[in-house]
Protein backbone atom coordinates (compact mmCIF):
# COMPACT_ATOMS: atom_id res chain seq x y z
CA MET A 1 -4.29 21.48 9.96
CA THR A 2 -4.59 17.80 9.13
CA ARG A 3 -4.02 15.53 12.13
CA ALA A 4 -1.92 12.44 11.54
CA LEU A 5 -3.27 9.38 13.32
CA SER A 6 -0.46 7.73 15.23
CA GLY A 7 0.68 4.29 14.29
CA GLN A 8 -0.35 3.13 17.76
CA GLU A 9 -3.90 4.45 17.36
CA LEU A 10 -4.32 2.97 13.90
CA SER A 11 -2.77 -0.33 15.00
CA ARG A 12 -5.27 -0.57 17.86
CA ARG A 13 -8.22 0.05 15.53
CA VAL A 14 -7.00 -2.44 12.93
CA ASN A 15 -6.31 -5.14 15.53
CA GLU A 16 -9.77 -4.67 17.06
CA ALA A 17 -11.31 -5.48 13.67
CA PHE A 18 -8.62 -7.93 12.46
CA PRO A 19 -6.84 -9.46 15.46
CA GLY A 20 -3.10 -9.74 14.98
CA LYS A 21 -3.05 -8.24 11.47
CA ALA A 22 -1.31 -5.01 12.48
CA SER A 23 2.06 -6.49 13.31
CA ARG A 24 3.90 -3.40 14.55
CA PHE A 25 3.80 0.38 14.60
CA ASN A 26 5.78 3.51 15.37
CA ASP A 27 4.72 7.13 15.89
CA ALA A 28 3.65 7.63 12.30
CA ASP A 29 3.16 4.22 10.63
CA VAL A 30 1.50 0.87 11.06
CA TRP A 31 2.69 -2.35 9.37
CA ILE A 32 -0.03 -4.76 8.34
CA ASP A 33 -0.02 -8.33 7.08
CA THR A 34 0.03 -8.37 3.30
CA GLU A 35 -2.75 -10.94 2.94
CA ALA A 36 -5.10 -8.67 4.94
CA LEU A 37 -4.32 -5.50 2.94
CA LEU A 38 -7.55 -5.47 0.93
CA ASP A 39 -9.82 -6.19 3.92
CA ILE A 40 -8.06 -3.62 6.10
CA SER A 41 -8.25 -1.04 3.29
CA ARG A 42 -11.98 -1.63 2.96
CA PHE A 43 -12.36 -1.29 6.75
CA LEU A 44 -10.46 2.03 6.79
CA TYR A 45 -12.57 3.31 3.89
CA GLU A 46 -15.97 2.21 5.22
CA THR A 47 -15.65 2.88 8.97
CA PRO A 48 -17.39 6.24 9.58
CA ASP A 49 -15.05 7.51 12.31
CA LEU A 50 -11.99 6.68 10.17
CA ASP A 51 -13.43 7.63 6.75
CA PHE A 52 -10.27 7.21 4.67
CA GLN A 53 -11.97 7.99 1.38
CA PHE A 54 -8.83 9.24 -0.35
CA LEU A 55 -5.66 7.34 -1.19
CA THR A 56 -3.01 10.05 -1.56
CA SER A 57 -0.19 7.82 -2.78
CA ILE A 58 1.29 4.36 -3.03
CA THR A 59 5.01 3.91 -3.27
CA ALA A 60 7.52 1.10 -2.88
CA VAL A 61 10.96 0.98 -1.29
CA ASP A 62 13.53 -1.70 -2.09
CA TYR A 63 15.40 -2.71 1.07
CA ILE A 64 17.15 -5.63 -0.71
CA GLU A 65 15.86 -8.22 1.81
CA TYR A 66 12.26 -7.16 1.07
CA ILE A 67 10.19 -4.59 -0.79
CA GLU A 68 8.03 -2.36 1.37
CA LEU A 69 4.85 -0.71 0.11
CA VAL A 70 3.71 2.56 1.66
CA TYR A 71 0.09 3.78 1.46
CA HIS A 72 -0.74 7.37 2.43
CA LEU A 73 -4.42 7.81 3.33
CA LEU A 74 -6.51 10.90 3.96
CA SER A 75 -9.96 11.66 5.35
CA MET A 76 -10.93 15.07 4.07
CA ARG A 77 -14.19 15.03 6.04
CA LEU A 78 -12.48 14.28 9.37
CA ASN A 79 -9.22 16.04 8.44
CA HIS A 80 -6.86 13.25 9.45
CA SER A 81 -4.27 11.11 7.70
CA ALA A 82 -2.59 7.74 8.15
CA ILE A 83 0.29 5.71 6.76
CA LEU A 84 0.00 1.95 6.16
CA LYS A 85 2.96 -0.22 5.29
CA THR A 86 3.26 -3.81 4.19
CA ARG A 87 6.11 -5.98 2.93
CA CYS A 88 6.80 -8.37 0.09
CA HIS A 89 9.38 -10.86 1.34
CA THR A 90 10.16 -12.45 -2.01
CA ARG A 91 12.24 -10.69 -4.66
CA ASP A 92 11.43 -13.20 -7.41
CA GLU A 93 7.74 -12.39 -7.68
CA PRO A 94 6.68 -9.79 -5.10
CA LYS A 95 2.90 -9.53 -4.90
CA VAL A 96 0.18 -7.88 -2.87
CA PRO A 97 -3.58 -7.57 -3.29
CA SER A 98 -4.76 -4.66 -5.41
CA VAL A 99 -6.77 -1.96 -3.62
CA VAL A 100 -8.35 -0.57 -6.81
CA GLU A 101 -11.78 -1.85 -5.75
CA VAL A 102 -11.53 0.33 -2.62
CA TRP A 103 -9.78 3.40 -4.05
CA ARG A 104 -10.22 3.82 -7.81
CA GLY A 105 -7.25 6.21 -7.76
CA ALA A 106 -4.97 3.26 -6.98
CA ASP A 107 -5.24 2.17 -10.62
CA LEU A 108 -2.41 4.28 -12.07
CA GLN A 109 -0.39 4.23 -8.86
CA GLU A 110 -0.30 0.42 -8.74
CA ARG A 111 0.61 0.33 -12.43
CA GLU A 112 3.51 2.70 -11.78
CA VAL A 113 4.80 0.58 -8.87
CA TRP A 114 4.47 -2.54 -11.06
CA ASP A 115 6.32 -0.86 -13.92
CA LEU A 116 9.24 0.53 -11.91
CA MET A 117 9.54 -1.92 -8.99
CA GLY A 118 8.00 -5.16 -10.25
CA VAL A 119 5.39 -5.60 -7.52
CA HIS A 120 2.44 -7.56 -8.91
CA PHE A 121 -0.95 -6.31 -7.66
CA GLU A 122 -3.25 -9.34 -7.63
CA GLY A 123 -6.74 -8.54 -8.86
CA HIS A 124 -5.75 -5.30 -10.62
CA PRO A 125 -8.08 -4.85 -13.63
CA ASN A 126 -5.39 -3.69 -16.09
CA LEU A 127 -1.89 -4.24 -14.72
CA LYS A 128 0.42 -3.16 -17.51
CA ARG A 129 3.33 -0.80 -17.84
CA ILE A 130 2.54 2.89 -17.68
CA LEU A 131 5.94 4.60 -18.20
CA LEU A 132 8.02 2.03 -20.06
CA TRP A 133 7.21 -0.10 -23.09
CA GLU A 134 5.80 -3.59 -22.52
CA GLU A 135 8.97 -5.37 -23.68
CA PHE A 136 11.24 -3.42 -21.33
CA PRO A 137 13.47 -5.94 -19.52
CA GLY A 138 13.05 -5.64 -15.76
CA HIS A 139 12.04 -2.93 -13.33
CA PRO A 140 14.51 -0.01 -13.19
CA LEU A 141 13.99 1.22 -9.62
CA ARG A 142 14.90 -2.11 -8.04
CA LYS A 143 18.34 -2.30 -6.53
CA ASP A 144 19.08 -5.52 -8.43
CA PHE A 145 18.33 -3.93 -11.84
CA LEU A 146 21.45 -3.98 -13.98
CA GLY A 147 20.00 -2.13 -17.00
């Protein structure tokens, strides 16, 4: 059975490498500073005793005051998983760094989040709509979408 790393354990490891960048945690999740997302992702991928070689999913949740991004990670070699979260505090142009250079599988997932939630992934090699047509007005999964 896959063992989920606790938010506390992952927070400790992240803060050892990037002091103060894991801002809080709970039993299952760790929240990280948005500007450090790419560096922390690379650290989780490259560190042998973490070995998060697989990005299972990226999703976004609209909490009205902010948009939260959720990254589910998996190490198949070590048989453990982790959940990273970060927040976009602006509704006008929410943006985070792209993690495509770390996990190639993030390509379509980031495009889907862009298409449906309007989160811009800075540095994404081909950020365009994947489900809706390019001229579609807005992002339909946002709570402020009037459609």
